[in-house]
Amino acid sequence: MHRINEHAASTAKSTEPDWYRAYFLAMVESDRSKALLEIERAQKAIQERALELRLQHQCDSREMQDLTSALTYLGILLLHISKESGNLLWD
């Protein structure tokens, strides 16, 4: 499994924003206990970026939509993990 995560990390290109890399790693994490931590990290990174955009008064509606979508998908993943079975979506 560690090898998959190394590949996933290299797949999240260095040109991508930090929040996106955190989101990507959370979405591909296959270990349930690690996934919870990765989801939390990604949510925090996304929220920080959204706040940064608001404080800078930058109106990049595309990025804001991407941030909103990413939070939604992380929430769905978190709900699925939290179910009794504890399985990940791809299990």
C-alpha atoms as a PDB file:
ATOM      1  CA  MET A   1       0.000   0.000   0.000  1.00  0.00           C
ATOM      2  CA  HIS A   2       2.822   2.406   0.756  1.00  0.00           C
ATOM      3  CA  ARG A   3       3.952   2.092  -2.825  1.00  0.00           C
ATOM      4  CA  ILE A   4       0.517   3.170  -4.089  1.00  0.00           C
ATOM      5  CA  ASN A   5       0.658   6.307  -1.952  1.00  0.00           C
ATOM      6  CA  GLU A   6       4.102   7.172  -3.294  1.00  0.00           C
ATOM      7  CA  HIS A   7       2.714   6.906  -6.807  1.00  0.00           C
ATOM      8  CA  ALA A   8      -0.333   8.967  -5.819  1.00  0.00           C
ATOM      9  CA  ALA A   9       1.865  11.685  -4.351  1.00  0.00           C
ATOM     10  CA  SER A  10       3.891  11.882  -7.533  1.00  0.00           C
ATOM     11  CA  THR A  11       0.687  11.968  -9.575  1.00  0.00           C
ATOM     12  CA  ALA A  12      -0.470  15.106  -7.726  1.00  0.00           C
ATOM     13  CA  LYS A  13       1.727  17.395  -9.750  1.00  0.00           C
ATOM     14  CA  SER A  14       3.881  19.991  -8.046  1.00  0.00           C
ATOM     15  CA  THR A  15       2.154  22.652 -10.149  1.00  0.00           C
ATOM     16  CA  GLU A  16      -1.128  21.933  -8.394  1.00  0.00           C
ATOM     17  CA  PRO A  17      -2.128  24.102  -5.410  1.00  0.00           C
ATOM     18  CA  ASP A  18      -1.343  22.758  -1.938  1.00  0.00           C
ATOM     19  CA  TRP A  19      -5.020  22.266  -1.146  1.00  0.00           C
ATOM     20  CA  TYR A  20      -5.451  20.123  -4.243  1.00  0.00           C
ATOM     21  CA  ARG A  21      -2.500  17.883  -3.375  1.00  0.00           C
ATOM     22  CA  ALA A  22      -3.947  17.376   0.123  1.00  0.00           C
ATOM     23  CA  TYR A  23      -7.375  16.639  -1.382  1.00  0.00           C
ATOM     24  CA  PHE A  24      -5.929  14.180  -3.901  1.00  0.00           C
ATOM     25  CA  LEU A  25      -3.991  12.290  -1.236  1.00  0.00           C
ATOM     26  CA  ALA A  26      -7.096  12.061   0.945  1.00  0.00           C
ATOM     27  CA  MET A  27      -9.154  10.680  -1.919  1.00  0.00           C
ATOM     28  CA  VAL A  28      -6.661   7.943  -2.832  1.00  0.00           C
ATOM     29  CA  GLU A  29      -5.679   6.842   0.689  1.00  0.00           C
ATOM     30  CA  SER A  30      -6.637   3.181   1.079  1.00  0.00           C
ATOM     31  CA  ASP A  31      -5.934   2.738   4.799  1.00  0.00           C
ATOM     32  CA  ARG A  32      -9.036   3.725   6.784  1.00  0.00           C
ATOM     33  CA  SER A  33      -7.171   5.149   9.782  1.00  0.00           C
ATOM     34  CA  LYS A  34      -4.839   7.159   7.549  1.00  0.00           C
ATOM     35  CA  ALA A  35      -7.741   8.279   5.361  1.00  0.00           C
ATOM     36  CA  LEU A  36      -9.397  10.000   8.315  1.00  0.00           C
ATOM     37  CA  LEU A  37      -6.250  12.012   8.974  1.00  0.00           C
ATOM     38  CA  GLU A  38      -5.770  12.833   5.284  1.00  0.00           C
ATOM     39  CA  ILE A  39      -9.385  13.992   5.004  1.00  0.00           C
ATOM     40  CA  GLU A  40      -8.909  16.268   8.001  1.00  0.00           C
ATOM     41  CA  ARG A  41      -5.717  17.717   6.516  1.00  0.00           C
ATOM     42  CA  ALA A  42      -7.398  18.290   3.168  1.00  0.00           C
ATOM     43  CA  GLN A  43     -10.433  19.957   4.729  1.00  0.00           C
ATOM     44  CA  LYS A  44      -8.183  22.315   6.653  1.00  0.00           C
ATOM     45  CA  ALA A  45      -6.109  23.159   3.553  1.00  0.00           C
ATOM     46  CA  ILE A  46      -9.258  23.829   1.529  1.00  0.00           C
ATOM     47  CA  GLN A  47     -10.792  26.026   4.222  1.00  0.00           C
ATOM     48  CA  GLU A  48      -7.558  27.989   4.564  1.00  0.00           C
ATOM     49  CA  ARG A  49      -7.399  28.586   0.804  1.00  0.00           C
ATOM     50  CA  ALA A  50     -11.035  29.719   0.686  1.00  0.00           C
ATOM     51  CA  LEU A  51     -10.363  32.171   3.506  1.00  0.00           C
ATOM     52  CA  GLU A  52      -7.225  33.399   1.750  1.00  0.00           C
ATOM     53  CA  LEU A  53      -9.214  34.111  -1.416  1.00  0.00           C
ATOM     54  CA  ARG A  54     -11.881  35.967   0.554  1.00  0.00           C
ATOM     55  CA  LEU A  55      -9.329  38.074   2.456  1.00  0.00           C
ATOM     56  CA  GLN A  56      -7.497  38.985  -0.740  1.00  0.00           C
ATOM     57  CA  HIS A  57     -10.819  39.901  -2.328  1.00  0.00           C
ATOM     58  CA  GLN A  58      -9.901  37.743  -5.276  1.00  0.00           C
ATOM     59  CA  CYS A  59     -12.920  36.601  -7.156  1.00  0.00           C
ATOM     60  CA  ASP A  60     -11.709  33.418  -8.785  1.00  0.00           C
ATOM     61  CA  SER A  61     -15.104  31.792  -9.062  1.00  0.00           C
ATOM     62  CA  ARG A  62     -13.651  28.684 -10.702  1.00  0.00           C
ATOM     63  CA  GLU A  63     -11.301  27.970  -7.801  1.00  0.00           C
ATOM     64  CA  MET A  64     -14.030  28.721  -5.250  1.00  0.00           C
ATOM     65  CA  GLN A  65     -16.299  26.218  -7.030  1.00  0.00           C
ATOM     66  CA  ASP A  66     -13.472  23.667  -7.006  1.00  0.00           C
ATOM     67  CA  LEU A  67     -12.943  24.241  -3.282  1.00  0.00           C
ATOM     68  CA  THR A  68     -16.651  23.811  -2.585  1.00  0.00           C
ATOM     69  CA  SER A  69     -16.811  20.632  -4.657  1.00  0.00           C
ATOM     70  CA  ALA A  70     -13.726  19.191  -2.965  1.00  0.00           C
ATOM     71  CA  LEU A  71     -15.222  19.811   0.496  1.00  0.00           C
ATOM     72  CA  THR A  72     -18.441  18.148  -0.617  1.00  0.00           C
ATOM     73  CA  TYR A  73     -16.646  15.049  -1.897  1.00  0.00           C
ATOM     74  CA  LEU A  74     -14.517  14.811   1.228  1.00  0.00           C
ATOM     75  CA  GLY A  75     -17.683  15.026   3.312  1.00  0.00           C
ATOM     76  CA  ILE A  76     -19.235  12.170   1.336  1.00  0.00           C
ATOM     77  CA  LEU A  77     -16.086  10.087   1.781  1.00  0.00           C
ATOM     78  CA  LEU A  78     -16.022  10.850   5.503  1.00  0.00           C
ATOM     79  CA  LEU A  79     -19.673   9.852   5.912  1.00  0.00           C
ATOM     80  CA  HIS A  80     -19.032   6.605   4.092  1.00  0.00           C
ATOM     81  CA  ILE A  81     -16.000   5.791   6.216  1.00  0.00           C
ATOM     82  CA  SER A  82     -17.933   6.609   9.380  1.00  0.00           C
ATOM     83  CA  LYS A  83     -20.606   4.029   8.611  1.00  0.00           C
ATOM     84  CA  GLU A  84     -20.648   0.859  10.624  1.00  0.00           C
ATOM     85  CA  SER A  85     -18.748  -1.172   8.052  1.00  0.00           C
ATOM     86  CA  GLY A  86     -15.869   1.281   8.082  1.00  0.00           C
ATOM     87  CA  ASN A  87     -15.008   0.427   4.499  1.00  0.00           C
ATOM     88  CA  LEU A  88     -13.677   2.940   2.061  1.00  0.00           C
ATOM     89  CA  LEU A  89     -15.688   3.736  -1.059  1.00  0.00           C
ATOM     90  CA  TRP A  90     -13.484   1.562  -3.239  1.00  0.00           C
ATOM     91  CA  ASP A  91     -13.508  -1.493  -0.942  1.00  0.00           C
END
